[in-house]
Protein backbone atom coordinates (compact mmCIF):
# COMPACT_ATOMS: atom_id res chain seq x y z
CA MET A 1 52.90 -14.15 -12.78
CA THR A 2 49.65 -13.21 -14.48
CA GLY A 3 48.33 -16.68 -13.73
CA ASN A 4 49.18 -16.28 -10.04
CA ALA A 5 47.38 -12.91 -9.93
CA THR A 6 44.35 -14.38 -11.63
CA SER A 7 44.24 -17.35 -9.28
CA SER A 8 44.69 -15.05 -6.30
CA ALA A 9 41.80 -12.83 -7.43
CA TRP A 10 39.65 -15.90 -8.05
CA SER A 11 40.47 -17.21 -4.57
CA SER A 12 39.56 -13.85 -3.05
CA HIS A 13 36.28 -13.91 -4.94
CA GLU A 14 35.55 -17.44 -3.72
CA GLY A 15 36.41 -16.40 -0.16
CA ALA A 16 34.07 -13.42 -0.29
CA ALA A 17 31.30 -15.60 -1.70
CA ALA A 18 31.86 -18.17 1.02
CA LEU A 19 31.63 -15.48 3.68
CA ALA A 20 28.50 -13.99 2.12
CA ALA A 21 26.67 -17.32 1.77
CA PRO A 22 26.01 -17.88 5.51
CA ALA A 23 24.81 -14.30 5.92
CA LEU A 24 22.43 -14.70 2.97
CA ALA A 25 21.13 -18.00 4.32
CA GLU A 26 20.62 -16.44 7.76
CA LYS A 27 18.71 -13.54 6.18
CA ARG A 28 16.45 -15.97 4.32
CA ARG A 29 15.77 -17.93 7.51
CA ALA A 30 14.91 -14.69 9.33
CA PHE A 31 12.55 -13.79 6.48
CA ASP A 32 10.86 -17.18 6.76
CA TRP A 33 10.41 -16.72 10.50
CA ARG A 34 8.89 -13.27 9.96
CA ILE A 35 6.34 -14.77 7.58
CA LEU A 36 5.44 -17.50 10.08
CA LEU A 37 5.12 -14.99 12.92
CA GLY A 38 2.88 -12.82 10.76
CA LEU A 39 0.59 -15.80 10.10
CA PHE A 40 0.53 -16.92 13.73
CA LEU A 41 -2.26 -14.66 15.05
CA PRO A 42 -4.82 -15.12 12.22
CA VAL A 43 -4.23 -18.88 12.14
CA VAL A 44 -4.74 -19.21 15.91
CA ILE A 45 -7.93 -17.12 15.80
CA ALA A 46 -9.26 -19.17 12.87
CA LEU A 47 -8.53 -22.49 14.61
CA LEU A 48 -10.14 -21.33 17.86
CA TRP A 49 -13.30 -20.19 16.07
CA GLU A 50 -13.46 -23.40 14.04
CA ALA A 51 -13.18 -25.42 17.25
CA ALA A 52 -15.82 -23.28 18.99
CA VAL A 53 -18.35 -23.94 16.19
CA ALA A 54 -17.42 -27.63 15.92
CA PHE A 55 -17.97 -28.24 19.65
CA GLY A 56 -21.25 -26.30 19.74
CA LEU A 57 -19.91 -23.37 21.75
CA ALA A 58 -21.04 -20.99 18.97
CA GLN A 59 -23.62 -21.27 16.22
CA GLY A 60 -21.53 -19.89 13.39
CA ARG A 61 -24.60 -18.59 11.57
CA LEU A 62 -23.68 -14.91 11.33
CA VAL A 63 -19.92 -15.50 11.60
CA PRO A 64 -19.25 -18.78 9.76
CA PRO A 65 -16.25 -20.92 10.67
CA PRO A 66 -13.13 -20.67 8.49
CA SER A 67 -13.94 -23.97 6.75
CA ARG A 68 -17.16 -22.49 5.30
CA ILE A 69 -15.47 -19.23 4.39
CA PHE A 70 -12.68 -20.97 2.50
CA ALA A 71 -15.24 -23.25 0.85
CA ALA A 72 -17.01 -20.11 -0.43
CA LEU A 73 -13.67 -18.72 -1.63
CA TRP A 74 -12.88 -22.00 -3.40
CA ALA A 75 -16.30 -22.08 -5.07
CA LEU A 76 -15.87 -18.51 -6.32
CA ALA A 77 -12.37 -19.32 -7.57
CA GLU A 78 -13.55 -22.47 -9.37
CA THR A 79 -16.23 -20.58 -11.29
CA GLY A 80 -13.78 -17.78 -12.12
CA GLU A 81 -15.91 -15.14 -10.38
CA LEU A 82 -13.27 -14.43 -7.74
CA TRP A 83 -10.57 -13.61 -10.30
CA THR A 84 -12.92 -11.42 -12.34
CA HIS A 85 -14.02 -9.42 -9.30
CA ALA A 86 -10.50 -9.21 -7.85
CA TRP A 87 -9.02 -8.00 -11.14
CA MET A 88 -11.68 -5.32 -11.57
CA THR A 89 -11.09 -4.06 -8.03
CA LEU A 90 -7.31 -4.07 -8.55
CA TRP A 91 -7.64 -2.21 -11.86
CA ARG A 92 -9.78 0.51 -10.27
CA VAL A 93 -7.37 0.91 -7.35
CA LEU A 94 -4.34 1.00 -9.66
CA VAL A 95 -5.75 3.72 -11.93
CA GLY A 96 -7.08 5.76 -9.00
CA PHE A 97 -3.79 5.35 -7.14
CA VAL A 98 -1.70 6.59 -10.07
CA ILE A 99 -3.92 9.64 -10.61
CA GLY A 100 -4.18 10.50 -6.91
CA ALA A 101 -0.49 9.87 -6.18
CA VAL A 102 0.76 11.97 -9.10
CA ALA A 103 -1.52 14.86 -8.13
CA GLY A 104 -0.53 14.52 -4.46
CA ILE A 105 3.20 14.48 -5.25
CA VAL A 106 3.02 17.52 -7.55
CA LEU A 107 0.83 19.68 -5.30
CA GLY A 108 2.60 18.48 -2.14
CA ALA A 109 5.99 19.40 -3.61
CA LEU A 110 4.72 22.83 -4.67
CA SER A 111 3.09 23.48 -1.30
CA GLY A 112 6.09 22.28 0.69
CA SER A 113 8.69 24.20 -1.28
CA ASN A 114 6.94 27.56 -1.75
CA ARG A 115 5.39 29.53 1.08
CA THR A 116 3.09 31.60 -1.15
CA ILE A 117 1.68 28.53 -2.91
CA ARG A 118 1.23 26.84 0.47
CA GLN A 119 -0.69 29.80 1.91
CA VAL A 120 -2.98 29.87 -1.13
CA LEU A 121 -3.42 26.10 -1.61
CA ASP A 122 -3.20 24.42 1.76
CA PRO A 123 -6.27 25.89 3.56
CA THR A 124 -8.60 24.82 0.74
CA LEU A 125 -7.14 21.33 0.54
CA GLN A 126 -7.30 20.89 4.30
CA ALA A 127 -10.99 21.85 4.24
CA LEU A 128 -11.66 19.39 1.39
CA ARG A 129 -9.79 16.67 3.29
CA ALA A 130 -12.35 16.89 6.11
CA ILE A 131 -15.22 15.94 3.78
CA PRO A 132 -16.31 12.29 4.32
CA SER A 133 -15.67 10.02 1.35
CA ILE A 134 -19.31 9.05 0.98
CA ALA A 135 -20.23 12.74 0.49
CA TRP A 136 -18.39 12.77 -2.84
CA VAL A 137 -20.45 9.88 -4.24
CA PRO A 138 -23.61 11.76 -5.38
CA LEU A 139 -21.52 14.61 -6.81
CA PHE A 140 -19.27 12.29 -8.83
CA ILE A 141 -22.29 10.35 -10.10
CA LEU A 142 -23.88 13.65 -11.19
CA TRP A 143 -20.69 14.86 -12.88
CA LEU A 144 -19.22 11.64 -14.29
CA GLY A 145 -22.09 9.16 -14.40
CA ILE A 146 -22.41 5.82 -12.67
CA PHE A 147 -19.71 4.01 -14.63
CA GLU A 148 -15.94 3.69 -14.16
CA ALA A 149 -14.97 7.38 -14.25
CA SER A 150 -16.84 8.22 -11.04
CA LYS A 151 -15.40 5.18 -9.24
CA VAL A 152 -11.83 5.97 -10.24
CA ALA A 153 -12.31 9.63 -9.27
CA LEU A 154 -13.48 8.65 -5.79
CA ILE A 155 -10.46 6.38 -5.31
CA ALA A 156 -8.12 9.10 -6.58
CA VAL A 157 -9.54 11.52 -3.99
CA GLY A 158 -8.88 8.97 -1.25
CA VAL A 159 -5.28 8.50 -2.40
CA PHE A 160 -4.55 12.18 -2.98
CA PHE A 161 -4.81 13.61 0.54
CA PRO A 162 -2.37 11.33 2.44
CA VAL A 163 0.17 11.62 -0.38
CA TYR A 164 -0.18 15.41 -0.49
CA LEU A 165 0.20 15.71 3.29
CA GLY A 166 3.13 13.29 3.38
CA ILE A 167 5.09 15.01 0.61
CA ALA A 168 4.45 18.55 1.86
CA GLY A 169 5.22 17.57 5.45
CA ALA A 170 8.40 15.74 4.44
CA ILE A 171 9.74 18.77 2.58
CA LEU A 172 8.88 21.12 5.43
CA SER A 173 10.59 18.85 7.97
CA VAL A 174 13.95 18.68 6.17
CA ASP A 175 16.72 19.71 8.57
CA ARG A 176 17.67 23.32 7.90
CA LYS A 177 21.34 22.53 8.60
CA LEU A 178 21.43 20.14 5.63
CA VAL A 179 20.20 22.90 3.32
CA GLU A 180 22.77 25.31 4.76
CA VAL A 181 25.52 22.77 4.05
CA GLY A 182 24.35 22.66 0.45
CA HIS A 183 24.54 26.45 0.26
CA VAL A 184 28.05 26.38 1.75
CA PHE A 185 29.15 24.02 -1.05
CA ARG A 186 27.42 26.34 -3.54
CA LEU A 187 25.07 23.72 -4.90
CA SER A 188 22.60 24.88 -7.52
CA ARG A 189 18.86 24.50 -6.89
CA VAL A 190 18.79 21.32 -8.99
CA GLN A 191 21.83 19.87 -7.20
CA LEU A 192 20.36 20.83 -3.82
CA ALA A 193 17.10 19.08 -4.66
CA ARG A 194 18.83 15.97 -6.02
CA ARG A 195 21.57 15.54 -3.40
CA ILE A 196 19.90 16.80 -0.21
CA LEU A 197 16.16 17.34 -0.44
CA LEU A 198 15.23 14.22 -2.40
CA PRO A 199 17.10 11.72 -0.16
CA ALA A 200 15.70 13.45 2.95
CA VAL A 201 12.14 13.33 1.62
CA LEU A 202 12.08 9.81 0.13
CA PRO A 203 11.51 7.76 3.33
CA GLU A 204 8.44 9.79 4.33
CA ALA A 205 7.27 9.87 0.70
CA VAL A 206 7.24 6.06 0.63
CA ILE A 207 5.15 6.00 3.82
CA ALA A 208 2.77 8.54 2.26
CA LEU A 209 2.38 6.36 -0.85
CA ARG A 210 1.67 3.31 1.29
CA SER A 211 -0.96 5.26 3.25
CA GLY A 212 -2.51 6.43 0.00
CA LEU A 213 -2.62 2.90 -1.37
CA GLY A 214 -4.31 1.66 1.80
CA LEU A 215 -6.94 4.39 1.56
CA GLY A 216 -7.37 3.52 -2.11
CA PHE A 217 -8.50 0.04 -1.10
CA MET A 218 -10.83 1.56 1.49
CA PHE A 219 -12.36 3.99 -1.00
CA VAL A 220 -12.81 1.29 -3.67
CA VAL A 221 -15.44 -0.32 -1.45
CA ALA A 222 -17.49 2.88 -1.42
CA ALA A 223 -16.84 3.23 -5.15
CA GLU A 224 -18.12 -0.28 -5.86
CA PHE A 225 -21.28 0.40 -3.90
CA MET A 226 -22.08 2.91 -6.67
CA GLY A 227 -24.00 0.52 -8.89
CA ALA A 228 -21.07 -1.78 -9.75
CA SER A 229 -21.73 -5.19 -11.29
CA GLU A 230 -18.12 -6.38 -10.83
CA GLY A 231 -15.56 -6.06 -8.07
CA LEU A 232 -15.04 -7.36 -4.55
CA GLY A 233 -17.30 -4.57 -3.25
CA TYR A 234 -20.07 -5.98 -5.43
CA LEU A 235 -19.51 -9.37 -3.78
CA LEU A 236 -20.02 -7.70 -0.39
CA VAL A 237 -23.31 -6.13 -1.48
CA ASP A 238 -24.48 -9.33 -3.13
CA GLY A 239 -23.66 -11.35 -0.01
CA GLN A 240 -25.56 -8.88 2.17
CA GLN A 241 -28.63 -8.87 -0.09
CA MET A 242 -28.67 -12.66 -0.46
CA GLY A 243 -27.98 -13.34 3.23
CA LYS A 244 -24.60 -15.04 2.65
CA PRO A 245 -22.24 -14.17 5.50
CA ASP A 246 -19.68 -16.68 4.20
CA GLN A 247 -19.49 -14.77 0.90
CA ILE A 248 -19.17 -11.45 2.74
CA LEU A 249 -16.28 -12.73 4.83
CA ALA A 250 -14.71 -14.38 1.78
CA ALA A 251 -14.77 -11.00 -0.01
CA ILE A 252 -13.26 -9.32 3.07
CA ILE A 253 -10.44 -11.88 3.14
CA ALA A 254 -9.89 -11.37 -0.60
CA PHE A 255 -9.66 -7.61 0.05
CA ALA A 256 -7.11 -8.20 2.80
CA LEU A 257 -4.95 -10.49 0.66
CA LEU A 258 -5.13 -8.19 -2.35
CA GLY A 259 -4.31 -5.11 -0.30
CA LYS A 260 -1.41 -6.79 1.49
CA SER A 261 0.02 -8.05 -1.81
CA ALA A 262 -0.21 -4.59 -3.38
CA ASP A 263 1.45 -3.01 -0.34
CA SER A 264 4.26 -5.59 -0.42
CA LEU A 265 4.87 -4.91 -4.11
CA LEU A 266 5.02 -1.16 -3.43
CA VAL A 267 7.49 -1.69 -0.58
CA ALA A 268 9.66 -3.95 -2.78
CA ALA A 269 9.56 -1.44 -5.66
CA THR A 270 10.58 1.49 -3.45
CA ARG A 271 13.15 -0.35 -1.31
CA PRO A 272 16.09 0.56 -3.62
CA LEU A 273 15.23 4.24 -3.15
CA VAL A 274 15.75 4.07 0.64
CA ARG A 275 18.41 1.37 0.79
CA TRP A 276 20.96 3.93 2.03
CA GLN A 277 19.10 4.31 5.34
CA ASP A 278 20.80 2.95 8.45
CA THR A 279 17.85 2.75 10.83
CA VAL A 280 16.99 0.75 13.90
CA ARG A 281 14.30 -1.13 11.96
CA GLU A 282 16.94 -2.62 9.65
CA ARG A 283 18.84 -3.99 12.66
CA LEU A 284 15.96 -5.45 14.70
């Protein structure tokens, strides 16, 4: 009898696996199609520009064709320069992102959950947010010098504001009825935060972190204009000074690939936190 139960359970397991296999395969095929669709537009533009230069419809002097750009990328990769510059840029963004995101989460949570703190803190931060990024450069150089500390500080400033706004706004936009339900069930403040506030805030918090990461890659360019000898921003300056548009565009493409990869890793890392969501996006 035990053997029959075991075989029955095993058969049920095999049946569930057989039913799940087609769904998994279909999901993988859909993922492959999404990748191909995402590559469609840049590939078409690159082929059209390559053809325009090849047939003499454009000179390609200031905007080189893709073949020359990828040749410049390949040359930089062969010498190892590309990896050195890309790693230095990634390291600066990572450190600045961690500092800016932690500060944004802490201050955003305090501002969103306490009216007094918000009234004291928010006006000053909103005024500071309006300052252009380049305006911080001379001040950070004066305070921190021209080396890594000033560059990381500038990136952290760029990351901080979208994270702060996203966290504070997410807390303030939590549905009041959900909080009242928690009070009806007599949840403590810790239980209310863990069971109601945190799940409600997480989706917008992830978007805020992604926005902060994107601004971190934007601010690293300004940071690497501050006397850097390594980094993709340095490649941009070097290409401009040496009159190498292919190197400039190669650095821009490297920035795009690095930023997209970092964003994809952040999305993958935070996906388990918002897996409970049943949204239209998951069904389209």
